Protein backbone atom coordinates (compact mmCIF):
# COMPACT_ATOMS: atom_id res chain seq x y z
CA MET A 1 -49.84 125.73 -192.97
CA GLU A 2 -47.23 125.17 -190.28
CA GLU A 3 -48.35 124.13 -186.80
CA LEU A 4 -46.42 123.53 -183.60
CA LEU A 5 -46.37 119.75 -183.13
CA MET A 6 -44.14 119.21 -180.12
CA SER A 7 -41.86 121.14 -177.81
CA PHE A 8 -38.91 119.86 -175.78
CA LYS A 9 -36.99 121.84 -173.20
CA PRO A 10 -33.56 120.17 -172.89
CA LYS A 11 -30.45 121.28 -171.09
CA ALA A 12 -26.96 120.55 -172.39
CA LEU A 13 -24.25 119.87 -169.80
CA TYR A 14 -20.85 121.42 -170.57
CA PRO A 15 -21.51 121.78 -174.32
CA LEU A 16 -18.46 122.37 -176.53
CA THR A 17 -20.32 124.22 -179.25
CA GLY A 18 -18.77 126.04 -182.16
CA GLY A 19 -18.17 125.87 -185.87
CA TYR A 20 -15.04 125.89 -188.01
CA ASN A 21 -12.83 127.43 -185.29
CA ARG A 22 -14.35 125.45 -182.38
CA HIS A 23 -15.79 128.61 -180.82
CA SER A 24 -19.46 129.44 -180.35
CA ILE A 25 -18.80 133.02 -181.43
CA ASN A 26 -16.96 134.04 -184.58
CA GLU A 27 -17.25 136.55 -187.40
CA PHE A 28 -20.00 134.55 -189.13
CA TYR A 29 -22.45 133.73 -186.33
CA GLU A 30 -23.06 133.81 -182.60
CA GLU A 31 -25.09 130.95 -181.21
CA ASN A 32 -24.78 127.98 -178.89
CA VAL A 33 -27.33 125.54 -180.23
CA ARG A 34 -27.97 125.33 -183.97
CA PRO A 35 -31.17 123.81 -185.42
CA THR A 36 -29.14 122.44 -188.33
CA GLU A 37 -26.87 120.51 -185.96
CA ILE A 38 -29.85 119.05 -184.09
CA LYS A 39 -31.57 118.13 -187.37
CA GLY A 40 -28.45 116.29 -188.57
CA LEU A 41 -28.02 114.42 -185.28
CA TRP A 42 -31.72 113.58 -185.16
CA ARG A 43 -31.48 112.06 -188.65
CA TRP A 44 -28.40 110.03 -187.58
CA TRP A 45 -30.15 108.65 -184.50
CA ASN A 46 -33.21 107.86 -186.66
CA ARG A 47 -30.97 105.62 -188.79
CA VAL A 48 -29.52 103.97 -185.68
CA LEU A 49 -32.95 103.37 -184.14
CA PHE A 50 -34.37 102.02 -187.40
CA ASN A 51 -31.56 99.46 -187.64
CA THR A 52 -32.05 98.65 -183.96
CA VAL A 53 -35.65 97.65 -184.70
CA ALA A 54 -34.66 95.88 -187.94
CA TYR A 55 -31.91 93.83 -186.28
CA SER A 56 -34.11 92.94 -183.30
CA THR A 57 -37.01 91.88 -185.54
CA GLU A 58 -35.40 90.46 -188.69
CA ARG A 59 -31.67 90.21 -187.94
CA LYS A 60 -31.21 92.58 -190.89
CA LEU A 61 -29.39 95.89 -191.25
CA TYR A 62 -30.10 98.51 -193.90
CA THR A 63 -27.96 101.17 -195.56
CA TYR A 64 -28.29 104.69 -194.27
CA GLU A 65 -29.01 105.93 -197.80
CA SER A 66 -32.08 103.71 -198.12
CA ILE A 67 -33.32 104.62 -194.62
CA ASP A 68 -33.01 108.30 -195.57
CA ARG A 69 -35.05 107.65 -198.72
CA LEU A 70 -37.76 106.00 -196.63
CA PHE A 71 -37.95 109.04 -194.33
CA GLU A 72 -37.38 111.75 -196.94
CA ASP A 73 -40.95 113.06 -196.61
CA VAL A 74 -40.21 113.66 -192.90
CA PHE A 75 -36.63 114.96 -192.95
CA GLY A 76 -36.44 116.10 -196.57
CA SER A 77 -33.81 115.40 -199.22
CA GLU A 78 -32.07 117.16 -202.10
CA ASN A 79 -35.30 117.08 -204.09
CA LYS A 80 -37.88 117.20 -201.33
CA LYS A 81 -38.66 119.77 -198.67
CA SER A 82 -38.74 118.57 -195.07
CA ALA A 83 -42.15 118.29 -193.44
CA VAL A 84 -40.71 119.35 -190.09
CA ARG A 85 -38.94 122.54 -189.12
CA LEU A 86 -36.94 123.03 -185.94
CA GLU A 87 -36.80 126.22 -183.91
CA VAL A 88 -34.28 126.71 -181.11
CA ILE A 89 -34.79 129.37 -178.44
CA THR A 90 -31.93 129.66 -175.96
CA ASP A 91 -33.02 130.62 -172.45
CA GLU A 92 -32.00 134.00 -171.10
CA GLY A 93 -28.73 133.65 -169.23
CA SER A 94 -27.69 130.59 -171.23
CA ASP A 95 -25.95 132.57 -173.97
CA ASN A 96 -22.20 132.31 -174.30
CA HIS A 97 -21.47 135.91 -175.22
CA PHE A 98 -17.77 136.57 -174.66
CA GLU A 99 -16.30 140.06 -174.45
CA LEU A 100 -12.65 141.05 -174.22
CA SER A 101 -11.63 144.65 -173.57
CA ASN A 102 -8.72 146.78 -172.37
CA VAL A 103 -5.96 144.40 -173.40
CA GLU A 104 -2.65 146.13 -172.69
CA LEU A 105 -0.16 144.97 -175.33
CA ASP A 106 2.23 147.89 -175.81
CA LYS A 107 4.92 146.56 -173.45
CA LEU A 108 4.77 143.13 -175.06
CA ILE A 109 4.90 144.52 -178.61
CA ASP A 110 7.95 146.66 -177.80
CA TYR A 111 9.67 143.56 -176.45
CA LEU A 112 8.78 141.33 -179.44
CA ARG A 113 9.92 143.86 -182.04
CA LYS A 114 13.52 143.18 -181.03
CA TYR A 115 13.23 139.75 -182.69
CA LYS A 116 13.29 138.81 -186.35
CA GLU A 117 11.05 135.84 -185.61
CA VAL A 118 9.58 134.67 -182.34
CA LYS A 119 7.22 132.02 -180.99
CA VAL A 120 4.72 133.30 -178.44
CA ASN A 121 3.05 130.99 -175.89
CA LEU A 122 0.07 131.78 -173.67
CA ASP A 123 -0.72 130.43 -170.23
CA PHE A 124 -3.13 131.28 -167.44
CA ARG A 125 -1.71 131.05 -163.92
CA ASP A 126 -2.97 132.45 -160.63
CA ASN A 127 -5.76 134.27 -162.44
CA THR A 128 -3.18 136.05 -164.62
CA LEU A 129 -2.61 135.75 -168.36
CA ILE A 130 1.08 135.15 -169.09
CA ILE A 131 2.91 135.54 -172.41
CA GLU A 132 6.06 133.44 -172.65
CA THR A 133 8.63 133.71 -175.44
CA GLU A 134 11.22 131.21 -176.63
CA GLY A 135 13.79 132.77 -174.34
CA SER A 136 11.58 131.89 -171.34
CA THR A 137 10.77 135.55 -170.75
CA LYS A 138 7.37 135.81 -169.04
CA ILE A 139 5.25 138.93 -169.45
CA PRO A 140 1.90 139.32 -167.63
CA ILE A 141 -0.93 140.75 -169.73
CA SER A 142 -3.58 142.99 -168.22
CA PHE A 143 -7.08 142.56 -169.64
CA LYS A 144 -10.75 142.82 -168.80
CA SER A 145 -13.34 140.25 -169.77
CA ASN A 146 -16.81 139.05 -168.81
CA LEU A 147 -15.38 135.52 -168.64
CA ASP A 148 -14.47 133.98 -165.28
CA VAL A 149 -11.57 131.78 -166.40
CA ASP A 150 -10.79 130.78 -162.83
CA LYS A 151 -14.22 129.18 -162.52
CA ILE A 152 -13.76 126.80 -165.45
CA LYS A 153 -9.96 126.36 -165.72
CA ASP A 154 -9.89 123.24 -163.52
CA LEU A 155 -12.33 121.53 -165.89
CA VAL A 156 -10.00 122.27 -168.82
CA TYR A 157 -6.65 121.60 -167.13
CA LYS A 158 -7.70 118.37 -165.41
CA ASN A 159 -9.33 116.95 -168.53
CA LYS A 160 -6.68 115.59 -170.89
CA LEU A 161 -9.12 115.63 -173.81
CA LEU A 162 -9.54 119.40 -173.37
CA SER A 163 -6.01 120.33 -172.30
CA PHE A 164 -4.62 118.60 -175.38
CA GLU A 165 -7.03 120.49 -177.65
CA LEU A 166 -6.13 123.75 -175.88
CA LEU A 167 -2.54 123.39 -177.15
CA GLY A 168 -3.81 124.41 -180.58
CA PHE A 169 -4.88 127.81 -179.23
CA LYS A 170 -1.99 128.80 -176.98
CA SER A 171 0.93 129.58 -179.30
CA ILE A 172 1.81 131.28 -182.55
CA LYS A 173 5.01 132.01 -184.47
CA VAL A 174 5.36 135.60 -185.70
CA GLY A 175 7.66 136.37 -188.63
CA HIS A 176 9.82 139.44 -189.27
CA THR A 177 7.45 141.22 -191.67
CA LYS A 178 4.61 141.08 -189.17
CA ILE A 179 6.74 142.03 -186.16
CA SER A 180 7.87 145.21 -187.92
CA ASP A 181 4.29 146.49 -188.22
CA LYS A 182 2.96 147.45 -184.79
CA GLU A 183 -0.72 147.39 -185.78
CA VAL A 184 -0.41 143.99 -187.49
CA ILE A 185 1.30 142.34 -184.53
CA LYS A 186 -1.22 143.94 -182.19
CA GLU A 187 -4.06 142.37 -184.14
CA ILE A 188 -2.29 138.97 -184.20
CA LEU A 189 -1.75 139.01 -180.43
CA ARG A 190 -5.29 140.14 -179.70
CA ASP A 191 -6.68 137.31 -181.88
CA LEU A 192 -4.40 134.81 -180.10
CA ILE A 193 -5.55 135.97 -176.67
CA THR A 194 -9.21 136.02 -177.72
CA ASN A 195 -9.07 132.49 -179.16
CA TYR A 196 -7.23 131.19 -176.10
CA LEU A 197 -9.61 132.71 -173.55
CA GLU A 198 -12.66 131.79 -175.63
CA TYR A 199 -11.70 128.13 -175.16
CA PHE A 200 -12.55 128.54 -171.47
CA ASN A 201 -15.98 129.89 -172.38
CA ILE A 202 -17.71 126.65 -171.42
CA LYS A 203 -21.09 126.89 -169.74
CA GLN A 204 -21.86 124.33 -167.05
CA GLU A 205 -25.26 124.00 -168.64
CA VAL A 206 -27.24 125.59 -171.45
CA THR A 207 -31.04 125.33 -171.40
CA PHE A 208 -33.03 125.85 -174.58
CA THR A 209 -36.44 125.20 -176.10
CA LEU A 210 -36.66 122.95 -179.14
CA ASN A 211 -39.89 123.46 -181.09
CA ILE A 212 -40.89 121.00 -183.83
CA TYR A 213 -43.24 122.46 -186.43
CA LEU A 214 -45.16 120.30 -188.92
CA ASP A 215 -46.22 121.52 -192.35
CA LYS A 216 -49.84 120.34 -192.59
CA SER A 217 -50.62 122.13 -195.84
CA ARG A 218 -48.82 119.59 -198.02
CA GLU A 219 -50.05 116.24 -199.20
CA HIS A 220 -48.02 113.46 -197.63
CA LYS A 221 -47.32 109.95 -198.80
CA GLN A 222 -49.18 106.98 -197.44
CA ASN A 223 -47.96 105.94 -193.97
CA PHE A 224 -46.47 109.40 -193.38
CA GLU A 225 -47.88 109.54 -189.85
CA ASP A 226 -46.25 106.20 -188.94
CA LYS A 227 -42.90 107.47 -190.17
CA LEU A 228 -43.34 110.77 -188.33
CA LYS A 229 -44.12 108.97 -185.06
CA PHE A 230 -41.05 106.78 -185.47
CA ALA A 231 -38.92 109.86 -186.15
CA LEU A 232 -40.21 111.46 -182.94
CA TYR A 233 -39.26 108.31 -181.03
CA SER A 234 -35.76 108.64 -182.48
CA LEU A 235 -35.63 112.29 -181.36
CA LEU A 236 -36.38 111.15 -177.81
CA VAL A 237 -33.66 108.48 -178.02
CA PHE A 238 -31.22 111.11 -179.32
CA ILE A 239 -31.94 113.37 -176.33
CA LEU A 240 -31.56 110.47 -173.88
CA LEU A 241 -28.36 108.99 -175.33
CA GLY A 242 -26.74 111.81 -177.29
CA GLY A 243 -25.59 115.39 -177.04
CA ILE A 244 -24.63 118.50 -178.99
CA GLY A 245 -21.27 119.98 -179.90
CA ARG A 246 -17.89 118.26 -179.84
CA LYS A 247 -16.81 115.23 -177.79
CA THR A 248 -20.37 114.08 -177.11
CA SER A 249 -19.25 110.45 -176.87
CA ARG A 250 -17.00 111.58 -173.99
CA GLY A 251 -19.82 113.20 -172.01
CA PHE A 252 -19.67 116.82 -173.17
CA GLY A 253 -22.89 118.44 -174.39
CA SER A 254 -24.99 115.64 -172.86
CA LEU A 255 -28.71 116.40 -173.08
CA SER A 256 -31.30 116.03 -170.32
CA ILE A 257 -35.05 116.66 -170.46
CA VAL A 258 -36.33 119.60 -168.41
CA ASP A 259 -39.84 119.65 -169.87
CA VAL A 260 -41.84 118.36 -172.84
CA LYS A 261 -45.20 119.22 -174.41
CA CYS A 262 -47.20 117.56 -177.20
CA TYR A 263 -49.67 119.70 -179.17
CA ASP A 264 -51.24 116.91 -181.23
CA ASP A 265 -52.26 113.95 -179.08
CA SER A 266 -52.93 111.73 -182.09
CA ILE A 267 -49.26 111.89 -183.07
CA CYS A 268 -47.06 112.56 -180.06
CA LYS A 269 -48.98 112.00 -176.79
CA LYS A 270 -47.32 108.63 -176.13
CA ILE A 271 -43.87 110.11 -176.76
CA GLU A 272 -44.64 112.97 -174.35
CA ASP A 273 -45.66 110.46 -171.66
CA LEU A 274 -42.47 108.45 -172.16
CA ALA A 275 -40.31 111.58 -172.04
CA LYS A 276 -41.92 112.79 -168.80
CA ASN A 277 -40.74 109.60 -167.10
CA PHE A 278 -37.24 111.12 -167.18
CA LEU A 279 -38.11 114.36 -165.39
CA THR A 280 -37.57 112.61 -162.06
CA ILE A 281 -35.12 109.75 -161.55
CA SER A 282 -34.65 108.12 -158.16
CA SER A 283 -31.73 105.78 -158.89
CA GLY A 284 -29.34 104.51 -161.53
CA ASN A 285 -31.23 101.23 -161.75
CA GLU A 286 -34.47 103.09 -162.38
CA LEU A 287 -32.87 105.16 -165.16
CA LYS A 288 -31.46 102.04 -166.80
CA SER A 289 -34.84 100.32 -166.55
CA LYS A 290 -36.60 103.32 -168.13
CA ILE A 291 -34.18 103.41 -171.07
CA GLU A 292 -34.59 99.67 -171.63
CA SER A 293 -38.39 100.04 -171.43
CA ILE A 294 -38.40 102.76 -174.10
CA LEU A 295 -36.25 100.67 -176.43
CA ASP A 296 -38.48 97.62 -175.87
CA CYS A 297 -41.59 99.75 -176.45
CA ILE A 298 -40.21 101.03 -179.76
CA LYS A 299 -39.14 97.55 -180.90
CA ASN A 300 -42.57 96.12 -180.09
CA SER A 301 -44.78 98.92 -181.38
CA CYS A 302 -42.89 100.11 -184.46
CA THR A 303 -42.20 96.91 -186.40
CA ASP A 304 -44.73 97.92 -189.08
CA ILE A 305 -42.29 100.63 -190.18
CA LEU A 306 -40.07 97.88 -191.62
CA TYR A 307 -42.72 96.74 -194.09
CA ILE A 308 -43.58 100.24 -195.28
CA GLY A 309 -40.21 100.43 -197.00
CA ASN A 310 -40.10 97.02 -198.68
CA ASN A 311 -39.40 98.55 -202.09
CA ILE A 312 -37.07 101.25 -200.77
CA LEU A 313 -34.79 99.60 -198.22
CA SER A 314 -31.47 98.02 -199.21
CA GLU A 315 -29.62 95.58 -196.98
CA ILE A 316 -26.00 96.37 -196.23
CA ASP A 317 -22.96 94.56 -197.57
CA PRO A 318 -21.09 93.86 -194.28
CA LYS A 319 -17.77 94.06 -196.14
CA LYS A 320 -18.47 97.55 -197.49
CA ASN A 321 -21.15 99.31 -195.41
CA VAL A 322 -20.81 100.53 -191.84
CA VAL A 323 -23.97 101.08 -189.79
CA TYR A 324 -24.74 101.13 -186.07
CA PHE A 325 -27.53 99.89 -183.83
CA ILE A 326 -28.38 99.75 -180.12
CA ASN A 327 -28.12 96.70 -177.89
CA SER A 328 -29.84 97.30 -174.55
CA ASP A 329 -27.60 94.65 -172.94
CA LEU A 330 -24.60 96.95 -173.39
CA PHE A 331 -25.71 99.66 -170.96
CA GLU A 332 -24.42 100.65 -167.54
CA VAL A 333 -25.80 103.45 -165.35
CA ARG A 334 -24.26 104.89 -162.18
CA GLU A 335 -25.25 107.78 -159.94
CA ILE A 336 -22.57 110.48 -159.73
CA ASN A 337 -21.81 113.47 -157.51
CA ASP A 338 -19.06 115.42 -159.29
CA LYS A 339 -19.78 115.82 -163.02
CA GLU A 340 -16.51 117.61 -163.80
CA ASN A 341 -14.47 114.89 -162.13
CA VAL A 342 -16.34 112.24 -164.12
CA LEU A 343 -15.69 114.12 -167.38
CA ALA A 344 -11.97 114.19 -166.54
CA ASN A 345 -11.93 110.48 -165.71
CA ILE A 346 -13.50 109.37 -169.00
CA TYR A 347 -10.10 109.80 -170.66
CA LYS A 348 -8.79 107.04 -168.37
CA ALA A 349 -11.33 104.64 -169.87
CA VAL A 350 -10.93 105.47 -173.56
CA SER A 351 -7.17 105.98 -173.91
CA SER A 352 -4.90 102.94 -174.29
CA GLU A 353 -2.67 104.48 -171.60
CA GLY A 354 -5.60 105.25 -169.28
CA CYS A 355 -5.34 103.68 -165.84
CA CYS A 356 -8.96 102.44 -165.93
CA ILE A 357 -8.67 100.35 -169.06
CA GLU A 358 -5.09 99.31 -168.23
CA SER A 359 -6.28 97.79 -164.95
CA ILE A 360 -9.13 95.93 -166.67
CA ILE A 361 -7.38 94.71 -169.86
CA THR A 362 -3.76 94.18 -168.87
CA ASP A 363 -2.45 92.75 -172.15
CA LYS A 364 -1.26 95.61 -174.40
CA TYR A 365 -2.56 94.20 -177.69
CA ALA A 366 -5.81 92.97 -176.17
CA ARG A 367 -6.35 96.51 -174.90
CA LYS A 368 -5.50 98.11 -178.24
CA SER A 369 -7.70 95.61 -180.05
CA PHE A 370 -10.65 96.37 -177.77
CA LEU A 371 -10.26 100.10 -178.38
CA ILE A 372 -9.90 99.58 -182.13
CA ALA A 373 -13.09 97.51 -182.13
CA PHE A 374 -15.11 99.83 -179.88
CA GLY A 375 -13.21 103.05 -179.22
CA GLY A 376 -13.31 104.74 -182.63
CA TYR A 377 -10.39 105.94 -184.72
CA ARG A 378 -6.94 105.23 -183.28
CA LYS A 379 -3.60 106.30 -184.67
CA VAL A 380 -2.13 102.86 -185.21
CA GLY A 381 1.49 102.56 -186.34
CA GLU A 382 2.36 100.17 -189.16
CA LYS A 383 4.38 98.07 -186.72
CA ASP A 384 1.38 97.69 -184.41
CA ILE A 385 -0.96 96.77 -187.26
CA GLY A 386 0.84 93.48 -187.83
CA PHE A 387 0.70 92.56 -184.14
CA ILE A 388 -2.96 93.54 -183.84
CA LYS A 389 -3.95 91.57 -186.94
CA ASN A 390 -2.13 88.52 -185.59
CA TYR A 391 -3.81 88.97 -182.23
CA LEU A 392 -7.27 89.32 -183.76
CA CYS A 393 -6.81 86.22 -185.89
CA GLU A 394 -5.44 84.17 -183.00
CA ILE A 395 -8.29 84.94 -180.61
CA CYS A 396 -11.20 85.31 -183.05
CA GLU A 397 -12.66 81.99 -181.91
CA THR A 398 -11.93 82.30 -178.19
CA VAL A 399 -12.76 86.01 -177.85
CA PRO A 400 -15.46 86.63 -180.46
CA SER A 401 -15.98 90.20 -179.25
CA PHE A 402 -12.95 91.09 -181.36
CA ASN A 403 -14.02 89.07 -184.40
CA ILE A 404 -14.32 91.69 -187.14
CA VAL A 405 -15.85 91.13 -190.57
CA ASP A 406 -13.36 90.83 -193.44
CA PHE A 407 -10.16 91.38 -191.48
CA PRO A 408 -7.59 89.29 -193.41
CA LEU A 409 -4.17 88.75 -191.88
CA SER A 410 -1.95 88.94 -194.95
CA GLU A 411 -3.65 91.60 -197.06
CA ASP A 412 -5.74 94.73 -196.84
CA SER A 413 -9.48 94.92 -197.36
CA PHE A 414 -11.96 97.78 -197.36
CA MET A 415 -13.10 96.97 -193.83
CA SER A 416 -9.67 96.38 -192.29
CA ASP A 417 -8.45 99.63 -193.87
CA TYR A 418 -11.53 101.45 -192.57
CA ILE A 419 -11.11 100.14 -189.02
CA LEU A 420 -7.39 100.80 -188.79
CA ARG A 421 -7.03 104.03 -190.78
CA HIS A 422 -10.33 105.90 -191.20
CA LYS A 423 -9.93 109.14 -189.24
CA HIS A 424 -13.64 109.83 -188.80
CA ARG A 425 -14.70 106.43 -187.50
CA ASN A 426 -17.16 106.83 -184.64
CA SER A 427 -16.49 105.57 -181.15
CA LEU A 428 -18.94 102.83 -180.19
CA LEU A 429 -17.89 103.14 -176.53
CA ARG A 430 -19.78 106.18 -175.25
CA PHE A 431 -20.35 108.01 -172.00
CA LYS A 432 -23.30 110.29 -171.36
CA LEU A 433 -24.26 112.50 -168.40
CA ILE A 434 -27.90 112.99 -167.54
CA SER A 435 -29.66 115.01 -164.81
CA ASP A 436 -33.26 115.20 -163.66
CA LYS A 437 -35.29 118.18 -162.40
CA SER A 438 -33.95 117.67 -158.87
CA ASN A 439 -30.36 117.83 -160.17
CA ASN A 440 -29.69 114.17 -159.45
CA SER A 441 -26.94 113.23 -161.91
CA TYR A 442 -26.04 109.94 -163.55
CA LEU A 443 -23.43 108.53 -165.90
CA ILE A 444 -24.59 106.27 -168.72
CA GLY A 445 -21.90 104.08 -170.26
CA TYR A 446 -22.92 102.18 -173.37
CA ILE A 447 -21.52 100.51 -176.46
CA LEU A 448 -23.24 100.71 -179.83
CA CYS A 449 -23.12 97.63 -182.02
CA SER A 450 -21.66 97.90 -185.52
CA SER A 451 -22.05 95.98 -188.75
CA TYR A 452 -18.28 95.44 -188.87
CA SER A 453 -18.41 93.20 -185.78
CA LYS A 454 -18.98 89.64 -186.98
CA LYS A 455 -19.93 88.43 -183.54
CA ILE A 456 -19.94 90.02 -180.09
CA ASP A 457 -19.58 88.15 -176.83
CA ILE A 458 -22.15 90.31 -175.02
CA LYS A 459 -21.35 88.90 -171.59
CA TYR A 460 -17.61 89.54 -171.98
CA VAL A 461 -17.97 93.06 -173.42
CA SER A 462 -20.67 93.97 -170.89
CA CYS A 463 -18.32 92.98 -168.06
CA ILE A 464 -15.61 95.31 -169.40
CA LEU A 465 -18.15 98.12 -169.83
CA ARG A 466 -19.40 97.68 -166.26
CA LYS A 467 -15.86 97.89 -164.86
CA LEU A 468 -14.98 100.91 -167.02
CA THR A 469 -18.11 102.80 -165.96
CA TYR A 470 -17.45 102.06 -162.30
CA CYS A 471 -13.82 103.20 -162.65
CA VAL A 472 -14.85 106.50 -164.28
CA ILE A 473 -17.05 107.55 -161.36
C-alpha cells in the first residue's frame, strides 16, 4: 500500500528544461519537470552526501556503485523495485506551452527557390524575426506566438553561455532537392523558426509540487528506515544546492523551497523542520549559517549509516574512481538584486577569458590549471597540456590546491587523461540562486571536493571562491 510520506513545493529559477532537442516541448512529450530527472539527481546527491559523511567521519570515500547497492531498497535497482515513488504536479501558470501560428513564408520561399543551395540564418531584432541569406539579404517574417521574446531576449543575448548555445538553432543549409519542393522547404523553415523561438521559452520561475510516496506494503531490509531518513536528508541538500535542467552549475534551474509538509512524523518531521528554516532568510550570513548547520547536523546524526553497509561498501581507488563530497568551508553566500545580471556574470568567473577570474588569477597557466582542477571539462589543446603538466608539477608542493592524484609529467594515466580529456567531467565550481518566500534572493558559490584532488589548500581556494562570488554579483 502506497502512502504519501512527504511533500515539497519548490520553485525553479530560469530552468532550462528539455530532452534530446533541449526543448521542453517536442513530439514525444510536453513537460517542464520530470520525476525521472529528479529521481536521478536525488540519487546523485545521496552519493555525494554519503561520501561527505564518510570523509568527515572516517576520511574514507566509497564507490558510487557500492553506495547505490546500500540504498537499493530505497531507490531501487535493476533487480529491485524502488520503495519510493515521485509525483510532480506543475502549478497552473507555470507550464511552458509554446504555440506558433500564422507564419508567413511564401515570400521567403519564392526568394530561396532561386538558389541551388543556400544557408539561412535567423535573428530577432526590434521585436521582429529576420531571415538572412548568404548574400546578406534580410527578409522580415510575420508570425504570431504566445511567446513574448522581447521579455526574455536580454537574458539570452547578454548571457554568453546561452547566446553560444543559441547558435545551434539559428541557421540551416538547404540543398537543391529540398528547395525545389515548396512544401518540404516550408516545413524545414517552420521547424527552424519553431526551434529558434522555443529557445527563448524560458520561464523566470516554475513552481511545482513534489510528492514522495512510500510503499508500506512490502517487507524492507533491516535498517531500512535509517537509510530512508538519510535519503530524505540528501533530497533536502539537493534542493538547497542543486537544480533541474541544463547548466545547473551555472545558476539555471536553481531550486528554492516554497513549502514543505511531512505526513509521517516518525520518519520526516526533523527534515520538515530543517527545510522550513529556509522559507525566510534575512541575510547572506544567515543562509550560509543555516546550510552549514544542516551539513553539521547530518554529519553528527547519521554516522550510523556508515556501519550498516560494512559488507556492501567498497572504498575507491583514487587512481581510477572519481567521486565528490561537500566541504562546508568552500561556501560563499551573497545577497543579490538582479538575478538575470548575476546569471550573465557567472560566465566571467568560469571561463578562462572571463574578466572576473582573469583579475583574480593573472597567470595564464595558473588560471587554466585552476579551471581544470575545479571548473569541469575544458577543451585543452595538446600544446597547452605540456605547459599545464609542467606547471602542476612545479607548484604541487607550494600550491597544493592543484596537486592532483596520479598526474605524471612524462606519460598518460587514467586520471590525467580523465581530467584533461573527459568531456562529461562535472564542474566542481558551482553557482546557485536561491530565494525565500519574501523574494529575497541570494547567490551561493561553492566548490565540491573530488577524489582526484590529492590535497586542497582550503584557505587558498576559499579566497579565490570568495573573490569570484563577489565579482559575479
